[in-house]
Amino acid sequence: MSELTGINNVAKLTAHLAAVAFMGSLQIMIVDWTHTRAHMAAAVCSRSALILAIQIALTWQFVAANHLGLSFTTDHADNVQVVAYLLTYLSFGAVAGLEIAILSAGMALGAWARRRSIAIGLAATALGGGAVLAYTVSKGGYLIAYQVGFPWSLSVEKAISSPFAGLGTLLMVVGLCLPMASHRATVDSAATS
């Protein structure tokens, strides 16, 4: 992508902006399920404003730091501009992952008695939010520890963070799809009866 656009690291920026949009959209969808009509507009608007602010901040920080030719990863924890960019991204991920985990877990508990497939899907989504939180704490913790002079091994950070990132995304997507697939199977079996 960098060769196509002529901008170094643009694929990393695009991936991070997409992750913020995905997590933020999931937050908004869950808010729609958990908030009353009276509080819906404020909840959606506040999250939308935060998503936009984070994306603007990431883009601004990217432009400010990208001239250095460094990749935007923990490999460059010695560069303050790269660290600031990553901590902005990771901070949003931590907040979003925590909110998704808490709200989805609450809905899963509430749905367990009546709709098991929905409860299982929401539980998977909650676990995905927790995995994203673990990813951000691992990666962000490494960056902060490096800045204060007490980092652990970069290979340990990568071994911990990468699986949490993939697991978080997988569980959230599966968690959202599972109730719909189960609902569709129920509708199809009722139609053939």
N, C-alpha and C. Protein backbone atom coordinates (compact mmCIF):
# COMPACT_ATOMS: atom_id res chain seq x y z
N MET A 1 0.82 -1.19 0.00
CA MET A 1 0.00 0.00 0.00
C MET A 1 0.87 1.26 0.00
N SER A 2 2.01 1.18 0.68
CA SER A 2 2.92 2.33 0.71
C SER A 2 3.44 2.66 -0.68
N GLU A 3 3.72 1.60 -1.49
CA GLU A 3 4.19 1.83 -2.85
C GLU A 3 3.10 2.47 -3.71
N LEU A 4 1.87 2.06 -3.48
CA LEU A 4 0.74 2.58 -4.25
C LEU A 4 0.47 4.05 -3.95
N THR A 5 0.54 4.42 -2.67
CA THR A 5 0.22 5.79 -2.27
C THR A 5 1.44 6.69 -2.21
N GLY A 6 2.62 6.10 -2.09
CA GLY A 6 3.82 6.90 -1.93
C GLY A 6 4.01 7.40 -0.50
N ILE A 7 3.19 6.90 0.42
CA ILE A 7 3.27 7.32 1.82
C ILE A 7 3.75 6.13 2.65
N ASN A 8 4.88 6.30 3.31
CA ASN A 8 5.42 5.25 4.16
C ASN A 8 4.48 4.97 5.33
N ASN A 9 4.28 3.72 5.67
CA ASN A 9 3.47 3.28 6.82
C ASN A 9 1.97 3.53 6.68
N VAL A 10 1.49 3.88 5.51
CA VAL A 10 0.06 4.19 5.37
C VAL A 10 -0.81 2.97 5.67
N ALA A 11 -0.30 1.77 5.44
CA ALA A 11 -1.08 0.56 5.75
C ALA A 11 -1.31 0.44 7.26
N LYS A 12 -0.31 0.80 8.05
CA LYS A 12 -0.45 0.75 9.52
C LYS A 12 -1.50 1.76 9.98
N LEU A 13 -1.44 2.98 9.44
CA LEU A 13 -2.45 3.99 9.79
C LEU A 13 -3.84 3.52 9.40
N THR A 14 -3.97 2.98 8.20
CA THR A 14 -5.26 2.50 7.72
C THR A 14 -5.79 1.39 8.62
N ALA A 15 -4.94 0.47 9.00
CA ALA A 15 -5.35 -0.63 9.89
C ALA A 15 -5.80 -0.10 11.25
N HIS A 16 -5.08 0.86 11.78
CA HIS A 16 -5.46 1.42 13.08
C HIS A 16 -6.75 2.21 13.00
N LEU A 17 -6.93 3.00 11.94
CA LEU A 17 -8.18 3.75 11.78
C LEU A 17 -9.36 2.79 11.61
N ALA A 18 -9.15 1.70 10.87
CA ALA A 18 -10.21 0.71 10.69
C ALA A 18 -10.54 0.02 12.01
N ALA A 19 -9.53 -0.28 12.81
CA ALA A 19 -9.77 -0.91 14.11
C ALA A 19 -10.57 0.01 15.03
N VAL A 20 -10.24 1.30 15.03
CA VAL A 20 -10.99 2.27 15.83
C VAL A 20 -12.43 2.34 15.34
N ALA A 21 -12.63 2.36 14.03
CA ALA A 21 -13.99 2.40 13.48
C ALA A 21 -14.76 1.13 13.84
N PHE A 22 -14.12 -0.03 13.76
CA PHE A 22 -14.78 -1.29 14.10
C PHE A 22 -15.18 -1.33 15.57
N MET A 23 -14.23 -1.05 16.44
CA MET A 23 -14.52 -1.08 17.88
C MET A 23 -15.56 -0.03 18.25
N GLY A 24 -15.43 1.15 17.68
CA GLY A 24 -16.39 2.21 17.97
C GLY A 24 -17.78 1.87 17.47
N SER A 25 -17.87 1.29 16.28
CA SER A 25 -19.17 0.88 15.74
C SER A 25 -19.80 -0.20 16.60
N LEU A 26 -18.99 -1.11 17.09
CA LEU A 26 -19.50 -2.15 17.98
C LEU A 26 -20.00 -1.53 19.29
N GLN A 27 -19.28 -0.56 19.81
CA GLN A 27 -19.74 0.15 21.01
C GLN A 27 -21.10 0.79 20.75
N ILE A 28 -21.24 1.46 19.63
CA ILE A 28 -22.50 2.14 19.31
C ILE A 28 -23.63 1.13 19.16
N MET A 29 -23.37 0.01 18.52
CA MET A 29 -24.39 -1.02 18.36
C MET A 29 -24.83 -1.56 19.72
N ILE A 30 -23.88 -1.80 20.60
CA ILE A 30 -24.21 -2.32 21.93
C ILE A 30 -24.95 -1.27 22.75
N VAL A 31 -24.58 -0.02 22.61
CA VAL A 31 -25.29 1.06 23.29
C VAL A 31 -26.75 1.09 22.85
N ASP A 32 -26.98 0.84 21.57
CA ASP A 32 -28.35 0.79 21.05
C ASP A 32 -29.15 -0.31 21.74
N TRP A 33 -28.50 -1.39 22.11
CA TRP A 33 -29.18 -2.50 22.77
C TRP A 33 -29.36 -2.27 24.27
N THR A 34 -28.50 -1.47 24.89
CA THR A 34 -28.49 -1.37 26.35
C THR A 34 -29.06 -0.08 26.92
N HIS A 35 -29.18 0.96 26.13
CA HIS A 35 -29.64 2.25 26.65
C HIS A 35 -31.10 2.50 26.29
N THR A 36 -31.76 3.24 27.15
CA THR A 36 -33.15 3.62 26.87
C THR A 36 -33.18 4.69 25.79
N ARG A 37 -34.33 4.86 25.19
CA ARG A 37 -34.48 5.88 24.14
C ARG A 37 -34.09 7.27 24.64
N ALA A 38 -34.39 7.56 25.89
CA ALA A 38 -34.09 8.88 26.44
C ALA A 38 -32.59 9.17 26.46
N HIS A 39 -31.78 8.15 26.63
CA HIS A 39 -30.33 8.33 26.73
C HIS A 39 -29.58 7.93 25.46
N MET A 40 -30.30 7.41 24.49
CA MET A 40 -29.66 6.87 23.28
C MET A 40 -28.88 7.93 22.51
N ALA A 41 -29.51 9.05 22.23
CA ALA A 41 -28.86 10.07 21.40
C ALA A 41 -27.55 10.56 22.03
N ALA A 42 -27.58 10.82 23.32
CA ALA A 42 -26.37 11.29 24.00
C ALA A 42 -25.28 10.22 23.98
N ALA A 43 -25.66 8.97 24.21
CA ALA A 43 -24.69 7.87 24.22
C ALA A 43 -24.05 7.68 22.84
N VAL A 44 -24.87 7.71 21.80
CA VAL A 44 -24.36 7.53 20.44
C VAL A 44 -23.50 8.72 20.03
N CYS A 45 -23.98 9.93 20.31
CA CYS A 45 -23.22 11.13 19.92
C CYS A 45 -21.88 11.22 20.64
N SER A 46 -21.85 10.87 21.93
CA SER A 46 -20.58 10.96 22.67
C SER A 46 -19.57 9.95 22.13
N ARG A 47 -20.03 8.76 21.81
CA ARG A 47 -19.11 7.76 21.27
C ARG A 47 -18.66 8.12 19.85
N SER A 48 -19.58 8.64 19.06
CA SER A 48 -19.23 9.07 17.70
C SER A 48 -18.20 10.19 17.74
N ALA A 49 -18.39 11.14 18.65
CA ALA A 49 -17.43 12.24 18.78
C ALA A 49 -16.06 11.72 19.22
N LEU A 50 -16.04 10.75 20.14
CA LEU A 50 -14.78 10.18 20.59
C LEU A 50 -14.07 9.45 19.45
N ILE A 51 -14.82 8.67 18.68
CA ILE A 51 -14.23 7.96 17.53
C ILE A 51 -13.60 8.95 16.57
N LEU A 52 -14.33 10.00 16.23
CA LEU A 52 -13.82 11.02 15.31
C LEU A 52 -12.58 11.70 15.89
N ALA A 53 -12.62 12.05 17.17
CA ALA A 53 -11.48 12.71 17.80
C ALA A 53 -10.24 11.81 17.80
N ILE A 54 -10.42 10.53 18.09
CA ILE A 54 -9.29 9.59 18.09
C ILE A 54 -8.73 9.45 16.68
N GLN A 55 -9.60 9.36 15.68
CA GLN A 55 -9.11 9.21 14.31
C GLN A 55 -8.38 10.46 13.83
N ILE A 56 -8.86 11.62 14.22
CA ILE A 56 -8.16 12.87 13.87
C ILE A 56 -6.81 12.91 14.58
N ALA A 57 -6.79 12.58 15.87
CA ALA A 57 -5.53 12.59 16.63
C ALA A 57 -4.52 11.61 16.05
N LEU A 58 -4.98 10.41 15.70
CA LEU A 58 -4.07 9.42 15.12
C LEU A 58 -3.50 9.91 13.79
N THR A 59 -4.34 10.49 12.96
CA THR A 59 -3.88 10.99 11.67
C THR A 59 -2.86 12.11 11.87
N TRP A 60 -3.15 13.02 12.78
CA TRP A 60 -2.25 14.14 13.06
C TRP A 60 -0.91 13.62 13.60
N GLN A 61 -0.97 12.69 14.55
CA GLN A 61 0.26 12.13 15.12
C GLN A 61 1.04 11.34 14.07
N PHE A 62 0.33 10.65 13.20
CA PHE A 62 0.97 9.89 12.13
C PHE A 62 1.74 10.84 11.20
N VAL A 63 1.09 11.91 10.78
CA VAL A 63 1.74 12.88 9.88
C VAL A 63 2.96 13.49 10.57
N ALA A 64 2.85 13.78 11.85
CA ALA A 64 3.97 14.40 12.58
C ALA A 64 5.16 13.45 12.73
N ALA A 65 4.90 12.17 12.86
CA ALA A 65 5.99 11.21 13.14
C ALA A 65 6.44 10.42 11.92
N ASN A 66 5.68 10.41 10.86
CA ASN A 66 5.97 9.51 9.74
C ASN A 66 7.22 9.88 8.96
N HIS A 67 7.67 11.10 9.05
CA HIS A 67 8.86 11.52 8.30
C HIS A 67 10.13 10.82 8.80
N LEU A 68 10.04 10.20 9.94
CA LEU A 68 11.22 9.56 10.52
C LEU A 68 11.57 8.24 9.85
N GLY A 69 10.64 7.68 9.09
CA GLY A 69 10.88 6.41 8.41
C GLY A 69 10.81 5.20 9.32
N LEU A 70 10.25 5.36 10.50
CA LEU A 70 10.12 4.27 11.46
C LEU A 70 8.77 3.59 11.31
N SER A 71 8.72 2.31 11.63
CA SER A 71 7.42 1.64 11.64
C SER A 71 6.71 1.98 12.95
N PHE A 72 5.41 2.00 12.92
CA PHE A 72 4.61 2.36 14.09
C PHE A 72 4.31 1.10 14.89
N THR A 73 5.34 0.56 15.53
CA THR A 73 5.24 -0.66 16.32
C THR A 73 6.06 -0.50 17.59
N THR A 74 5.94 -1.48 18.48
CA THR A 74 6.72 -1.45 19.71
C THR A 74 8.21 -1.63 19.46
N ASP A 75 8.59 -1.98 18.24
CA ASP A 75 10.02 -2.06 17.89
C ASP A 75 10.69 -0.70 18.06
N HIS A 76 9.90 0.37 18.01
CA HIS A 76 10.45 1.72 18.11
C HIS A 76 9.94 2.43 19.37
N ALA A 77 9.96 1.69 20.48
CA ALA A 77 9.52 2.24 21.76
C ALA A 77 10.45 3.34 22.27
N ASP A 78 11.58 3.51 21.62
CA ASP A 78 12.51 4.57 22.00
C ASP A 78 12.17 5.91 21.36
N ASN A 79 11.21 5.92 20.45
CA ASN A 79 10.82 7.16 19.78
C ASN A 79 9.53 7.69 20.40
N VAL A 80 9.60 8.87 20.99
CA VAL A 80 8.46 9.42 21.73
C VAL A 80 7.26 9.67 20.82
N GLN A 81 7.48 10.10 19.58
CA GLN A 81 6.35 10.35 18.68
C GLN A 81 5.62 9.06 18.32
N VAL A 82 6.36 8.01 18.07
CA VAL A 82 5.74 6.72 17.78
C VAL A 82 5.00 6.20 19.01
N VAL A 83 5.59 6.37 20.18
CA VAL A 83 4.95 5.93 21.43
C VAL A 83 3.66 6.70 21.66
N ALA A 84 3.67 8.01 21.44
CA ALA A 84 2.45 8.82 21.62
C ALA A 84 1.34 8.34 20.68
N TYR A 85 1.69 8.09 19.44
CA TYR A 85 0.72 7.58 18.46
C TYR A 85 0.13 6.26 18.94
N LEU A 86 1.01 5.32 19.31
CA LEU A 86 0.54 4.00 19.73
C LEU A 86 -0.29 4.07 21.01
N LEU A 87 0.10 4.92 21.96
CA LEU A 87 -0.68 5.03 23.20
C LEU A 87 -2.05 5.65 22.96
N THR A 88 -2.16 6.55 22.00
CA THR A 88 -3.47 7.10 21.64
C THR A 88 -4.36 5.98 21.12
N TYR A 89 -3.83 5.21 20.20
CA TYR A 89 -4.57 4.08 19.62
C TYR A 89 -4.93 3.05 20.69
N LEU A 90 -3.96 2.68 21.51
CA LEU A 90 -4.17 1.65 22.52
C LEU A 90 -5.11 2.12 23.63
N SER A 91 -5.08 3.40 23.97
CA SER A 91 -5.99 3.92 24.99
C SER A 91 -7.44 3.78 24.55
N PHE A 92 -7.71 4.13 23.30
CA PHE A 92 -9.07 3.95 22.80
C PHE A 92 -9.45 2.47 22.81
N GLY A 93 -8.54 1.62 22.37
CA GLY A 93 -8.81 0.18 22.35
C GLY A 93 -9.12 -0.36 23.73
N ALA A 94 -8.41 0.13 24.74
CA ALA A 94 -8.64 -0.33 26.12
C ALA A 94 -10.03 0.07 26.60
N VAL A 95 -10.39 1.33 26.37
CA VAL A 95 -11.71 1.81 26.79
C VAL A 95 -12.82 1.08 26.04
N ALA A 96 -12.67 0.95 24.74
CA ALA A 96 -13.68 0.26 23.93
C ALA A 96 -13.78 -1.21 24.31
N GLY A 97 -12.65 -1.88 24.46
CA GLY A 97 -12.66 -3.30 24.83
C GLY A 97 -13.32 -3.52 26.18
N LEU A 98 -13.03 -2.65 27.14
CA LEU A 98 -13.62 -2.77 28.47
C LEU A 98 -15.13 -2.56 28.41
N GLU A 99 -15.57 -1.53 27.70
CA GLU A 99 -17.01 -1.28 27.60
C GLU A 99 -17.73 -2.43 26.89
N ILE A 100 -17.16 -2.90 25.81
CA ILE A 100 -17.76 -4.02 25.07
C ILE A 100 -17.84 -5.26 25.97
N ALA A 101 -16.78 -5.53 26.70
CA ALA A 101 -16.76 -6.71 27.58
C ALA A 101 -17.82 -6.60 28.67
N ILE A 102 -17.90 -5.46 29.33
CA ILE A 102 -18.84 -5.31 30.44
C ILE A 102 -20.29 -5.34 29.96
N LEU A 103 -20.61 -4.56 28.93
CA LEU A 103 -21.99 -4.51 28.46
C LEU A 103 -22.42 -5.84 27.84
N SER A 104 -21.55 -6.48 27.09
CA SER A 104 -21.89 -7.76 26.47
C SER A 104 -22.07 -8.85 27.52
N ALA A 105 -21.22 -8.85 28.54
CA ALA A 105 -21.35 -9.85 29.61
C ALA A 105 -22.67 -9.67 30.35
N GLY A 106 -23.03 -8.43 30.62
CA GLY A 106 -24.32 -8.17 31.28
C GLY A 106 -25.50 -8.64 30.44
N MET A 107 -25.45 -8.37 29.15
CA MET A 107 -26.54 -8.82 28.27
C MET A 107 -26.55 -10.34 28.16
N ALA A 108 -25.38 -10.97 28.14
CA ALA A 108 -25.31 -12.43 28.05
C ALA A 108 -25.96 -13.07 29.28
N LEU A 109 -25.67 -12.52 30.44
CA LEU A 109 -26.29 -13.04 31.67
C LEU A 109 -27.80 -12.88 31.63
N GLY A 110 -28.26 -11.73 31.15
CA GLY A 110 -29.70 -11.48 31.07
C GLY A 110 -30.41 -12.36 30.06
N ALA A 111 -29.73 -12.76 29.01
CA ALA A 111 -30.35 -13.54 27.94
C ALA A 111 -30.24 -15.05 28.16
N TRP A 112 -29.43 -15.48 29.11
CA TRP A 112 -29.13 -16.91 29.26
C TRP A 112 -30.38 -17.77 29.42
N ALA A 113 -31.31 -17.36 30.23
CA ALA A 113 -32.49 -18.19 30.51
C ALA A 113 -33.42 -18.32 29.29
N ARG A 114 -33.51 -17.28 28.49
CA ARG A 114 -34.48 -17.26 27.39
C ARG A 114 -33.88 -17.61 26.04
N ARG A 115 -32.71 -17.11 25.74
CA ARG A 115 -32.11 -17.26 24.40
C ARG A 115 -30.66 -17.66 24.53
N ARG A 116 -30.41 -18.94 24.62
CA ARG A 116 -29.06 -19.44 24.84
C ARG A 116 -28.10 -19.05 23.72
N SER A 117 -28.53 -19.15 22.47
CA SER A 117 -27.61 -18.84 21.37
C SER A 117 -27.20 -17.37 21.41
N ILE A 118 -28.13 -16.50 21.74
CA ILE A 118 -27.79 -15.08 21.87
C ILE A 118 -26.84 -14.89 23.04
N ALA A 119 -27.12 -15.55 24.15
CA ALA A 119 -26.25 -15.43 25.33
C ALA A 119 -24.84 -15.93 25.04
N ILE A 120 -24.72 -17.04 24.32
CA ILE A 120 -23.40 -17.57 23.98
C ILE A 120 -22.66 -16.59 23.05
N GLY A 121 -23.37 -16.04 22.07
CA GLY A 121 -22.76 -15.06 21.18
C GLY A 121 -22.29 -13.82 21.93
N LEU A 122 -23.13 -13.32 22.84
CA LEU A 122 -22.75 -12.15 23.62
C LEU A 122 -21.59 -12.47 24.57
N ALA A 123 -21.57 -13.68 25.10
CA ALA A 123 -20.44 -14.08 25.95
C ALA A 123 -19.14 -14.11 25.14
N ALA A 124 -19.22 -14.61 23.91
CA ALA A 124 -18.03 -14.61 23.04
C ALA A 124 -17.60 -13.18 22.74
N THR A 125 -18.56 -12.29 22.50
CA THR A 125 -18.25 -10.89 22.26
C THR A 125 -17.59 -10.27 23.49
N ALA A 126 -18.11 -10.60 24.67
CA ALA A 126 -17.52 -10.10 25.92
C ALA A 126 -16.08 -10.60 26.08
N LEU A 127 -15.86 -11.87 25.79
CA LEU A 127 -14.49 -12.41 25.86
C LEU A 127 -13.59 -11.73 24.83
N GLY A 128 -14.13 -11.42 23.66
CA GLY A 128 -13.37 -10.69 22.65
C GLY A 128 -12.97 -9.31 23.14
N GLY A 129 -13.92 -8.61 23.78
CA GLY A 129 -13.60 -7.31 24.35
C GLY A 129 -12.52 -7.42 25.41
N GLY A 130 -12.60 -8.47 26.23
CA GLY A 130 -11.57 -8.71 27.24
C GLY A 130 -10.21 -9.00 26.62
N ALA A 131 -10.20 -9.75 25.52
CA ALA A 131 -8.94 -10.04 24.83
C ALA A 131 -8.33 -8.77 24.24
N VAL A 132 -9.18 -7.89 23.70
CA VAL A 132 -8.68 -6.61 23.19
C VAL A 132 -8.09 -5.79 24.33
N LEU A 133 -8.77 -5.79 25.47
CA LEU A 133 -8.24 -5.09 26.64
C LEU A 133 -6.88 -5.66 27.04
N ALA A 134 -6.75 -6.98 27.05
CA ALA A 134 -5.47 -7.62 27.39
C ALA A 134 -4.39 -7.22 26.38
N TYR A 135 -4.75 -7.17 25.10
CA TYR A 135 -3.81 -6.75 24.05
C TYR A 135 -3.30 -5.33 24.32
N THR A 136 -4.23 -4.42 24.62
CA THR A 136 -3.83 -3.03 24.82
C THR A 136 -3.01 -2.86 26.09
N VAL A 137 -3.34 -3.60 27.14
CA VAL A 137 -2.58 -3.51 28.38
C VAL A 137 -1.17 -4.07 28.18
N SER A 138 -1.05 -5.17 27.46
CA SER A 138 0.26 -5.76 27.19
C SER A 138 1.13 -4.82 26.37
N LYS A 139 0.60 -4.36 25.26
CA LYS A 139 1.37 -3.51 24.35
C LYS A 139 1.63 -2.13 24.99
N GLY A 140 0.59 -1.53 25.56
CA GLY A 140 0.75 -0.23 26.20
C GLY A 140 1.65 -0.30 27.42
N GLY A 141 1.52 -1.39 28.18
CA GLY A 141 2.38 -1.57 29.35
C GLY A 141 3.84 -1.65 28.97
N TYR A 142 4.11 -2.35 27.87
CA TYR A 142 5.49 -2.43 27.39
C TYR A 142 6.02 -1.04 27.02
N LEU A 143 5.21 -0.28 26.29
CA LEU A 143 5.64 1.06 25.87
C LEU A 143 5.93 1.96 27.07
N ILE A 144 5.04 1.92 28.06
CA ILE A 144 5.24 2.75 29.25
C ILE A 144 6.45 2.26 30.04
N ALA A 145 6.57 0.95 30.20
CA ALA A 145 7.73 0.39 30.93
C ALA A 145 9.04 0.77 30.23
N TYR A 146 9.03 0.77 28.92
CA TYR A 146 10.23 1.15 28.17
C TYR A 146 10.58 2.61 28.44
N GLN A 147 9.57 3.47 28.46
CA GLN A 147 9.81 4.89 28.67
C GLN A 147 10.38 5.19 30.06
N VAL A 148 9.98 4.40 31.05
CA VAL A 148 10.49 4.64 32.41
C VAL A 148 11.74 3.81 32.72
N GLY A 149 12.19 3.02 31.75
CA GLY A 149 13.45 2.32 31.90
C GLY A 149 13.38 0.90 32.44
N PHE A 150 12.18 0.31 32.46
CA PHE A 150 12.04 -1.05 32.98
C PHE A 150 11.25 -1.96 32.04
N PRO A 151 11.64 -2.03 30.78
CA PRO A 151 10.86 -2.88 29.86
C PRO A 151 11.18 -4.36 30.04
N TRP A 152 10.23 -5.18 29.69
CA TRP A 152 10.50 -6.61 29.61
C TRP A 152 10.90 -6.89 28.17
N SER A 153 11.18 -8.10 27.86
CA SER A 153 11.66 -8.48 26.54
C SER A 153 10.62 -8.16 25.46
N LEU A 154 11.07 -7.57 24.37
CA LEU A 154 10.18 -7.26 23.26
C LEU A 154 9.57 -8.53 22.68
N SER A 155 10.33 -9.61 22.66
CA SER A 155 9.80 -10.87 22.13
C SER A 155 8.67 -11.39 23.01
N VAL A 156 8.75 -11.17 24.31
CA VAL A 156 7.66 -11.56 25.22
C VAL A 156 6.43 -10.72 24.94
N GLU A 157 6.62 -9.42 24.77
CA GLU A 157 5.49 -8.53 24.46
C GLU A 157 4.79 -8.98 23.19
N LYS A 158 5.56 -9.27 22.16
CA LYS A 158 4.96 -9.69 20.89
C LYS A 158 4.27 -11.05 21.02
N ALA A 159 4.86 -11.95 21.79
CA ALA A 159 4.27 -13.28 21.97
C ALA A 159 2.94 -13.20 22.72
N ILE A 160 2.80 -12.21 23.59
CA ILE A 160 1.56 -12.05 24.35
C ILE A 160 0.54 -11.24 23.56
N SER A 161 0.96 -10.11 23.01
CA SER A 161 0.02 -9.18 22.38
C SER A 161 -0.63 -9.72 21.11
N SER A 162 0.16 -10.30 20.24
CA SER A 162 -0.38 -10.73 18.94
C SER A 162 -1.53 -11.72 19.06
N PRO A 163 -1.41 -12.77 19.87
CA PRO A 163 -2.56 -13.68 20.00
C PRO A 163 -3.81 -13.01 20.57
N PHE A 164 -3.62 -12.10 21.53
CA PHE A 164 -4.78 -11.40 22.09
C PHE A 164 -5.48 -10.55 21.04
N ALA A 165 -4.73 -9.90 20.16
CA ALA A 165 -5.34 -9.08 19.11
C ALA A 165 -6.18 -9.95 18.18
N GLY A 166 -5.60 -11.04 17.71
CA GLY A 166 -6.34 -11.94 16.81
C GLY A 166 -7.53 -12.58 17.48
N LEU A 167 -7.33 -13.04 18.72
CA LEU A 167 -8.41 -13.69 19.46
C LEU A 167 -9.55 -12.72 19.73
N GLY A 168 -9.21 -11.48 20.08
CA GLY A 168 -10.24 -10.48 20.34
C GLY A 168 -11.12 -10.23 19.12
N THR A 169 -10.49 -10.04 17.99
CA THR A 169 -11.24 -9.80 16.75
C THR A 169 -12.09 -11.01 16.40
N LEU A 170 -11.50 -12.19 16.45
CA LEU A 170 -12.22 -13.42 16.11
C LEU A 170 -13.43 -13.62 17.01
N LEU A 171 -13.24 -13.49 18.32
CA LEU A 171 -14.35 -13.71 19.25
C LEU A 171 -15.47 -12.69 19.08
N MET A 172 -15.12 -11.43 18.81
CA MET A 172 -16.16 -10.43 18.62
C MET A 172 -16.96 -10.69 17.35
N VAL A 173 -16.29 -11.03 16.27
CA VAL A 173 -16.99 -11.31 15.01
C VAL A 173 -17.85 -12.57 15.14
N VAL A 174 -17.29 -13.64 15.68
CA VAL A 174 -18.06 -14.87 15.88
C VAL A 174 -19.21 -14.62 16.84
N GLY A 175 -18.93 -13.88 17.90
CA GLY A 175 -19.97 -13.57 18.88
C GLY A 175 -21.15 -12.82 18.29
N LEU A 176 -20.88 -11.96 17.33
CA LEU A 176 -21.97 -11.21 16.69
C LEU A 176 -22.69 -12.05 15.65
N CYS A 177 -21.98 -12.97 15.00
CA CYS A 177 -22.59 -13.80 13.95
C CYS A 177 -23.38 -14.98 14.51
N LEU A 178 -22.95 -15.54 15.62
CA LEU A 178 -23.58 -16.74 16.17
C LEU A 178 -25.08 -16.58 16.43
N PRO A 179 -25.53 -15.53 17.09
CA PRO A 179 -26.97 -15.40 17.32
C PRO A 179 -27.77 -15.29 16.02
N MET A 180 -27.20 -14.62 15.03
CA MET A 180 -27.92 -14.47 13.76
C MET A 180 -28.01 -15.81 13.03
N ALA A 181 -26.94 -16.59 13.04
CA ALA A 181 -26.96 -17.90 12.38
C ALA A 181 -27.95 -18.81 13.08
N SER A 182 -27.97 -18.78 14.40
CA SER A 182 -28.90 -19.60 15.16
C SER A 182 -30.33 -19.17 14.90
N HIS A 183 -30.56 -17.86 14.85
CA HIS A 183 -31.90 -17.34 14.59
C HIS A 183 -32.35 -17.75 13.19
N ARG A 184 -31.46 -17.66 12.23
CA ARG A 184 -31.79 -18.03 10.85
C ARG A 184 -32.14 -19.51 10.76
N ALA A 185 -31.39 -20.36 11.46
CA ALA A 185 -31.67 -21.80 11.46
C ALA A 185 -33.04 -22.08 12.06
N THR A 186 -33.42 -21.34 13.09
CA THR A 186 -34.74 -21.50 13.71
C THR A 186 -35.83 -21.08 12.75
N VAL A 187 -35.64 -19.97 12.07
CA VAL A 187 -36.63 -19.48 11.10
C VAL A 187 -36.77 -20.47 9.95
N ASP A 188 -35.64 -20.97 9.43
CA ASP A 188 -35.68 -21.93 8.32
C ASP A 188 -36.39 -23.22 8.72
N SER A 189 -36.12 -23.73 9.93
CA SER A 189 -36.77 -24.98 10.35
C SER A 189 -38.25 -24.76 10.59
N ALA A 190 -38.65 -23.59 11.05
CA ALA A 190 -40.07 -23.29 11.24
C ALA A 190 -40.78 -23.18 9.89
N ALA A 191 -40.09 -22.65 8.89
CA ALA A 191 -40.69 -22.48 7.56
C ALA A 191 -40.89 -23.82 6.86
N THR A 192 -40.03 -24.80 7.13
CA THR A 192 -40.15 -26.10 6.47
C THR A 192 -41.11 -27.03 7.21
N SER A 193 -41.54 -26.66 8.40
CA SER A 193 -42.44 -27.52 9.17
C SER A 193 -43.86 -27.44 8.67
